[in-house]
Amino acid sequence: MSKIGLHAGAPRAVLAVGAAGAIVGGSIGAARNIARVRKGEMTREAAVKDALREAGTTGASTAAATAVVGALNLGGLLSLLGLVTVSVGAKYLVDKALDARSCRKAAPALPAGTGAAQEKAAPAKAEAPKKTAAKGTTTRKTRTAKSAAKAATPKKTTAAPAKSAEPAVGGAE
């Protein structure tokens, strides 16, 4: 039987693993946001804020997972599975709580007429009204190339061969 509890070096290990998780999470957040800033989908300030948020939440969830697995004295593959499971669950819950709190749906876009957003700005097209058929009439479906080719191929028939009018040779008369 193993005892559940932390040993003397555990707090230092939890902080070290949490710091490593923060570095990895912040790096991934920054890399993802660089492309979004270049496309004009996000401002630099919003990108930095998002990368810092990713660093904090990833570091905290990794530290929490390390503490839980360390307290349970898991070893080998079981400890790895425990780390992944607890850290993913903690990250999901923290992100969900922060999103609900800030009501953040998307990163703010650059104002129209500045930077890369100006190149992407296109005039809005007015939607054409839907065409409806008059009552009692039907509309014909257009054929695709595949359905037209299928319709053009001859059908195979399995009809019985036609009977001839001549009597069979050697038959009864």
Protein backbone atom coordinates (compact mmCIF):
# COMPACT_ATOMS: atom_id res chain seq x y z
CA MET A 1 0.00 0.00 0.00
CA SER A 2 1.28 3.43 -0.86
CA LYS A 3 0.66 6.52 1.19
CA ILE A 4 -0.96 9.52 -0.40
CA GLY A 5 0.98 12.69 0.27
CA LEU A 6 3.65 15.05 -1.00
CA HIS A 7 7.34 14.61 -0.33
CA ALA A 8 9.71 17.46 0.56
CA GLY A 9 10.77 18.31 -3.03
CA ALA A 10 7.24 18.33 -4.45
CA PRO A 11 6.47 22.08 -4.21
CA ARG A 12 9.65 22.93 -6.11
CA ALA A 13 8.84 20.34 -8.77
CA VAL A 14 5.28 21.63 -9.14
CA LEU A 15 6.57 25.18 -9.66
CA ALA A 16 9.21 24.03 -12.16
CA VAL A 17 6.78 21.98 -14.22
CA GLY A 18 4.22 24.81 -14.05
CA ALA A 19 6.84 27.26 -15.33
CA ALA A 20 7.73 24.89 -18.17
CA GLY A 21 4.03 24.60 -19.04
CA ALA A 22 3.71 28.40 -19.05
CA ILE A 23 6.67 28.73 -21.43
CA VAL A 24 5.24 26.12 -23.81
CA GLY A 25 1.70 27.56 -23.66
CA GLY A 26 2.91 31.12 -24.19
CA SER A 27 5.08 30.07 -27.12
CA ILE A 28 2.21 28.26 -28.81
CA GLY A 29 -0.13 31.21 -28.21
CA ALA A 30 2.40 33.67 -29.63
CA ALA A 31 3.10 31.53 -32.69
CA ARG A 32 -0.61 31.21 -33.43
CA ASN A 33 -1.20 34.94 -32.98
CA ILE A 34 1.67 36.07 -35.24
CA ALA A 35 -0.18 34.78 -38.29
CA ARG A 36 -3.43 36.38 -37.13
CA VAL A 37 -1.73 39.78 -36.70
CA ARG A 38 -0.14 39.54 -40.16
CA LYS A 39 -3.52 38.74 -41.73
CA GLY A 40 -5.08 41.71 -39.97
CA GLU A 41 -7.42 39.56 -37.88
CA MET A 42 -5.99 40.75 -34.55
CA THR A 43 -4.16 43.76 -33.12
CA ARG A 44 -0.69 43.42 -31.58
CA GLU A 45 -2.03 44.33 -28.13
CA ALA A 46 -4.71 41.66 -28.32
CA ALA A 47 -2.13 39.12 -29.52
CA VAL A 48 0.17 39.82 -26.56
CA LYS A 49 -2.75 39.67 -24.14
CA ASP A 50 -3.91 36.34 -25.60
CA ALA A 51 -0.39 34.84 -25.50
CA LEU A 52 0.00 35.87 -21.84
CA ARG A 53 -3.39 34.36 -21.03
CA GLU A 54 -2.39 31.10 -22.73
CA ALA A 55 0.89 31.07 -20.79
CA GLY A 56 -0.88 31.58 -17.47
CA THR A 57 -3.65 29.05 -17.98
CA THR A 58 -1.34 26.40 -19.41
CA GLY A 59 1.17 26.87 -16.59
CA ALA A 60 -1.51 26.71 -13.91
CA SER A 61 -3.14 23.60 -15.36
CA THR A 62 0.22 21.85 -15.75
CA ALA A 63 1.18 22.70 -12.16
CA ALA A 64 -2.18 21.44 -10.88
CA ALA A 65 -1.79 18.19 -12.80
CA THR A 66 1.72 17.71 -11.42
CA ALA A 67 0.49 18.24 -7.88
CA VAL A 68 -2.40 15.78 -8.30
CA VAL A 69 -0.27 13.04 -9.87
CA GLY A 70 2.49 13.61 -7.29
CA ALA A 71 0.01 13.34 -4.43
CA LEU A 72 -1.30 10.05 -5.78
CA ASN A 73 2.23 8.61 -6.13
CA LEU A 74 1.51 7.31 -9.62
CA GLY A 75 4.39 5.93 -11.63
CA GLY A 76 5.29 5.09 -15.20
CA LEU A 77 2.66 5.22 -17.90
CA LEU A 78 -0.08 5.82 -15.37
CA SER A 79 1.57 9.07 -14.23
CA LEU A 80 1.87 10.27 -17.82
CA LEU A 81 -1.79 9.51 -18.50
CA GLY A 82 -2.72 11.24 -15.24
CA LEU A 83 -0.72 14.35 -16.16
CA VAL A 84 -2.32 14.60 -19.59
CA THR A 85 -5.85 13.96 -18.31
CA VAL A 86 -5.72 16.37 -15.38
CA SER A 87 -3.92 19.13 -17.27
CA VAL A 88 -6.32 18.99 -20.24
CA GLY A 89 -9.33 18.99 -17.93
CA ALA A 90 -7.97 21.85 -15.83
CA LYS A 91 -7.09 23.92 -18.92
CA TYR A 92 -10.56 23.36 -20.36
CA LEU A 93 -12.27 24.44 -17.14
CA VAL A 94 -10.05 27.51 -16.65
CA ASP A 95 -10.53 28.64 -20.27
CA LYS A 96 -14.29 28.11 -20.03
CA ALA A 97 -14.46 30.13 -16.81
CA LEU A 98 -12.38 32.97 -18.25
CA ASP A 99 -14.38 33.04 -21.48
CA ALA A 100 -17.67 33.19 -19.57
CA ARG A 101 -16.31 35.91 -17.33
CA SER A 102 -15.01 38.15 -20.09
CA CYS A 103 -17.66 37.20 -22.70
CA ARG A 104 -14.84 37.14 -25.19
CA LYS A 105 -16.03 35.73 -28.49
CA ALA A 106 -13.23 36.74 -30.82
CA ALA A 107 -10.12 38.85 -30.82
CA PRO A 108 -10.72 42.44 -31.92
CA ALA A 109 -10.00 43.09 -35.57
CA LEU A 110 -8.12 46.09 -36.88
CA PRO A 111 -10.27 49.05 -37.89
CA ALA A 112 -11.08 49.25 -41.60
CA GLY A 113 -8.65 51.34 -43.61
CA THR A 114 -5.54 50.42 -41.58
CA GLY A 115 -2.77 47.97 -42.34
CA ALA A 116 -3.60 44.55 -43.75
CA ALA A 117 -7.32 45.02 -43.08
CA GLN A 118 -7.43 47.67 -45.83
CA GLU A 119 -6.21 45.18 -48.44
CA LYS A 120 -8.82 42.62 -47.45
CA ALA A 121 -11.74 45.06 -47.33
CA ALA A 122 -14.16 44.20 -50.10
CA PRO A 123 -17.47 45.84 -50.88
CA ALA A 124 -20.42 43.97 -49.48
CA LYS A 125 -22.53 42.24 -52.09
CA ALA A 126 -26.27 42.53 -51.88
CA GLU A 127 -27.96 39.17 -51.70
CA ALA A 128 -30.31 38.33 -54.53
CA PRO A 129 -33.84 37.49 -53.44
CA LYS A 130 -34.69 33.79 -53.44
CA LYS A 131 -36.63 32.61 -56.46
CA THR A 132 -39.72 30.64 -55.73
CA ALA A 133 -41.81 28.65 -58.16
CA ALA A 134 -45.45 29.48 -58.65
CA LYS A 135 -47.90 27.16 -57.00
CA GLY A 136 -48.58 24.06 -59.02
CA THR A 137 -45.39 24.22 -61.07
CA THR A 138 -42.18 22.41 -60.48
CA THR A 139 -38.64 23.52 -61.00
CA ARG A 140 -36.25 21.35 -62.93
CA LYS A 141 -33.08 20.24 -61.18
CA THR A 142 -29.84 20.93 -62.99
CA ARG A 143 -27.65 17.97 -63.78
CA THR A 144 -24.10 17.73 -62.60
CA ALA A 145 -21.39 16.36 -64.87
CA LYS A 146 -21.43 13.09 -62.95
CA SER A 147 -25.19 12.61 -63.19
CA ALA A 148 -25.18 13.55 -66.90
CA ALA A 149 -22.48 10.96 -67.63
CA LYS A 150 -24.40 8.33 -65.69
CA ALA A 151 -27.57 9.07 -67.65
CA ALA A 152 -25.71 8.85 -70.98
CA THR A 153 -24.33 5.34 -70.37
CA PRO A 154 -26.48 2.52 -71.79
CA LYS A 155 -28.35 0.39 -69.29
CA LYS A 156 -27.60 -3.31 -68.98
CA THR A 157 -30.56 -5.55 -69.58
CA THR A 158 -31.13 -9.03 -68.24
CA ALA A 159 -34.00 -9.98 -70.50
CA ALA A 160 -34.37 -13.62 -71.63
CA PRO A 161 -33.29 -14.38 -75.22
CA ALA A 162 -36.06 -14.22 -77.83
CA LYS A 163 -37.61 -17.57 -78.85
CA SER A 164 -37.24 -18.53 -82.48
CA ALA A 165 -40.15 -19.71 -84.62
CA GLU A 166 -38.21 -22.74 -85.97
CA PRO A 167 -38.72 -26.09 -84.27
CA ALA A 168 -35.81 -27.64 -82.44
CA VAL A 169 -33.80 -30.25 -84.32
CA GLY A 170 -34.53 -33.80 -83.28
CA GLY A 171 -37.64 -32.82 -81.45
CA ALA A 172 -40.97 -34.71 -81.40
CA GLU A 173 -43.28 -34.08 -84.34
